[in-house]
C-alpha cells in the first residue's frame, strides 16, 4: 500500500512531497519527505508518487495499491482524464515506466480525511516549514 501526497505553497511555489509504504497489515515499511523546489501542486503530487514507486521497487514490492488525494492525478493514471500539460505528461510517462517494475499497480483517489494521507500531508508541510526557516 502506497500513500503519497505533494503540495505547493502557491501554484507554482515552494513545494514538497511525502509518501508512506505500508504492508497489507498496515505496518509502515518506509516513509519519506523532501522539498522539491518550485513546482505546481500537480507536479508535486506526481513527484511524490514517482518517489514512492521507486522506493517500492527498491524494496522488492510486487503489487501496489497507490492512494492519492489528488483526483486529477489519480484520474490521469487510471486513464479517465487525458494529460494535456507537457510538464505533467513527462511525469505521467515516468510513472508509466515505473509501473512496469511491478506485477500489478492500481491507483485510487482517496479523501483527504484518510489517516495515512493526513500523515503524508503532515510530512509535506513539515518539510516546507523546515525549508522556510
Protein backbone atom coordinates (compact mmCIF):
# COMPACT_ATOMS: atom_id res chain seq x y z
CA UNK A 1 0.00 0.00 0.00
CA UNK A 2 1.34 3.41 -1.00
CA UNK A 3 0.02 6.73 0.25
CA UNK A 4 1.56 9.76 -1.43
CA UNK A 5 0.98 13.48 -1.27
CA UNK A 6 2.54 16.57 -2.75
CA UNK A 7 1.86 20.20 -2.09
CA UNK A 8 2.90 23.66 -3.16
CA UNK A 9 2.52 26.93 -1.30
CA UNK A 10 1.43 28.99 -4.24
CA UNK A 11 0.76 27.41 -7.61
CA UNK A 12 3.56 27.28 -8.60
CA UNK A 13 5.50 27.85 -5.41
CA UNK A 14 7.78 26.16 -2.91
CA UNK A 15 6.78 22.50 -2.98
CA UNK A 16 7.39 19.25 -1.15
CA UNK A 17 6.40 15.62 -1.41
CA UNK A 18 5.90 12.74 1.00
CA UNK A 19 4.91 9.12 0.91
CA UNK A 20 4.34 6.12 3.12
CA UNK A 21 4.70 2.50 2.07
CA UNK A 22 2.78 0.00 4.19
CA UNK A 23 2.41 -3.76 4.27
CA UNK A 24 -1.04 -5.28 3.72
CA UNK A 25 -1.36 -5.43 7.51
CA UNK A 26 -0.73 -1.69 7.87
CA UNK A 27 2.87 -1.76 9.09
CA UNK A 28 4.88 1.23 7.83
CA UNK A 29 7.84 -0.09 5.82
CA UNK A 30 9.14 3.26 4.64
CA UNK A 31 8.24 6.92 4.78
CA UNK A 32 9.99 9.84 3.22
CA UNK A 33 9.51 13.54 2.61
CA UNK A 34 11.57 16.23 0.93
CA UNK A 35 11.37 19.64 -0.63
CA UNK A 36 11.23 19.84 -4.41
CA UNK A 37 11.89 23.50 -5.18
CA UNK A 38 9.31 25.46 -7.13
CA UNK A 39 6.55 23.27 -8.57
CA UNK A 40 2.83 23.30 -9.20
CA UNK A 41 0.64 21.29 -6.86
CA UNK A 42 0.03 18.64 -9.54
CA UNK A 43 3.76 18.34 -10.27
CA UNK A 44 4.40 17.80 -6.55
CA UNK A 45 1.67 15.13 -6.43
CA UNK A 46 3.28 13.28 -9.36
CA UNK A 47 6.78 13.57 -7.90
CA UNK A 48 5.55 12.12 -4.60
CA UNK A 49 4.04 9.14 -6.41
CA UNK A 50 7.17 8.63 -8.55
CA UNK A 51 9.41 8.64 -5.46
CA UNK A 52 7.07 6.13 -3.79
CA UNK A 53 7.11 3.85 -6.84
CA UNK A 54 10.92 3.99 -6.99
CA UNK A 55 11.18 3.12 -3.29
CA UNK A 56 8.61 0.33 -3.54
CA UNK A 57 10.55 -1.19 -6.43
CA UNK A 58 13.80 -0.91 -4.48
CA UNK A 59 12.37 -2.87 -1.54
CA UNK A 60 11.01 -5.57 -3.81
CA UNK A 61 7.27 -4.88 -3.75
CA UNK A 62 5.37 -6.76 -6.45
CA UNK A 63 1.81 -5.45 -6.17
CA UNK A 64 0.79 -1.95 -5.16
CA UNK A 65 -2.35 -0.03 -4.43
CA UNK A 66 -1.43 3.64 -4.68
CA UNK A 67 -3.64 6.03 -2.73
CA UNK A 68 -3.67 9.68 -3.80
CA UNK A 69 -5.81 12.58 -2.64
CA UNK A 70 -5.37 14.35 -5.98
CA UNK A 71 -8.37 13.47 -8.12
CA UNK A 72 -6.71 14.91 -11.23
CA UNK A 73 -3.54 12.85 -10.89
CA UNK A 74 -5.45 9.68 -9.93
CA UNK A 75 -7.72 10.05 -12.97
CA UNK A 76 -4.73 10.73 -15.24
CA UNK A 77 -3.20 7.47 -14.05
CA UNK A 78 -6.39 5.43 -14.48
CA UNK A 79 -6.94 6.88 -17.94
CA UNK A 80 -10.17 8.69 -17.06
CA UNK A 81 -8.56 12.07 -17.78
CA UNK A 82 -6.20 12.87 -20.63
CA UNK A 83 -2.89 14.53 -19.69
CA UNK A 84 -2.67 17.77 -21.67
CA UNK A 85 0.04 19.70 -19.81
CA UNK A 86 3.53 18.97 -21.22
CA UNK A 87 5.30 19.02 -17.83
CA UNK A 88 2.71 16.67 -16.35
CA UNK A 89 2.91 14.41 -19.40
CA UNK A 90 6.64 13.86 -18.70
CA UNK A 91 5.87 12.93 -15.09
CA UNK A 92 2.98 10.70 -16.23
CA UNK A 93 5.37 8.94 -18.65
CA UNK A 94 7.83 8.34 -15.80
CA UNK A 95 5.05 6.84 -13.66
CA UNK A 96 4.06 4.57 -16.57
CA UNK A 97 7.65 3.35 -16.89
CA UNK A 98 7.85 2.62 -13.17
CA UNK A 99 4.57 0.67 -13.29
CA UNK A 100 6.33 -1.91 -15.45
CA UNK A 101 8.52 -2.92 -12.48
CA UNK A 102 5.52 -4.43 -10.70
CA UNK A 103 3.17 -7.33 -11.36
CA UNK A 104 0.17 -5.14 -10.58
CA UNK A 105 -0.37 -1.47 -9.75
CA UNK A 106 -3.66 0.29 -9.15
CA UNK A 107 -4.42 3.92 -8.38
CA UNK A 108 -7.15 5.02 -6.01
CA UNK A 109 -8.38 8.52 -5.24
CA UNK A 110 -8.99 8.81 -1.51
CA UNK A 111 -10.34 11.69 0.57
CA UNK A 112 -8.02 13.98 2.50
CA UNK A 113 -9.61 12.57 5.65
CA UNK A 114 -7.78 9.24 5.13
CA UNK A 115 -5.43 8.86 8.10
CA UNK A 116 -2.40 7.87 6.01
CA UNK A 117 -2.97 10.71 3.53
CA UNK A 118 -3.19 13.05 6.52
CA UNK A 119 0.18 11.71 7.71
CA UNK A 120 1.71 12.25 4.26
CA UNK A 121 0.24 15.77 4.19
CA UNK A 122 1.73 16.45 7.64
CA UNK A 123 5.15 15.35 6.35
CA UNK A 124 4.80 17.62 3.29
CA UNK A 125 4.03 20.61 5.49
CA UNK A 126 6.81 19.72 7.93
CA UNK A 127 9.33 19.68 5.03
CA UNK A 128 8.04 23.04 3.76
CA UNK A 129 8.16 24.56 7.26
CA UNK A 130 11.76 23.37 7.75
CA UNK A 131 12.82 24.77 4.38
CA UNK A 132 11.31 28.19 5.12
CA UNK A 133 13.25 28.64 8.41
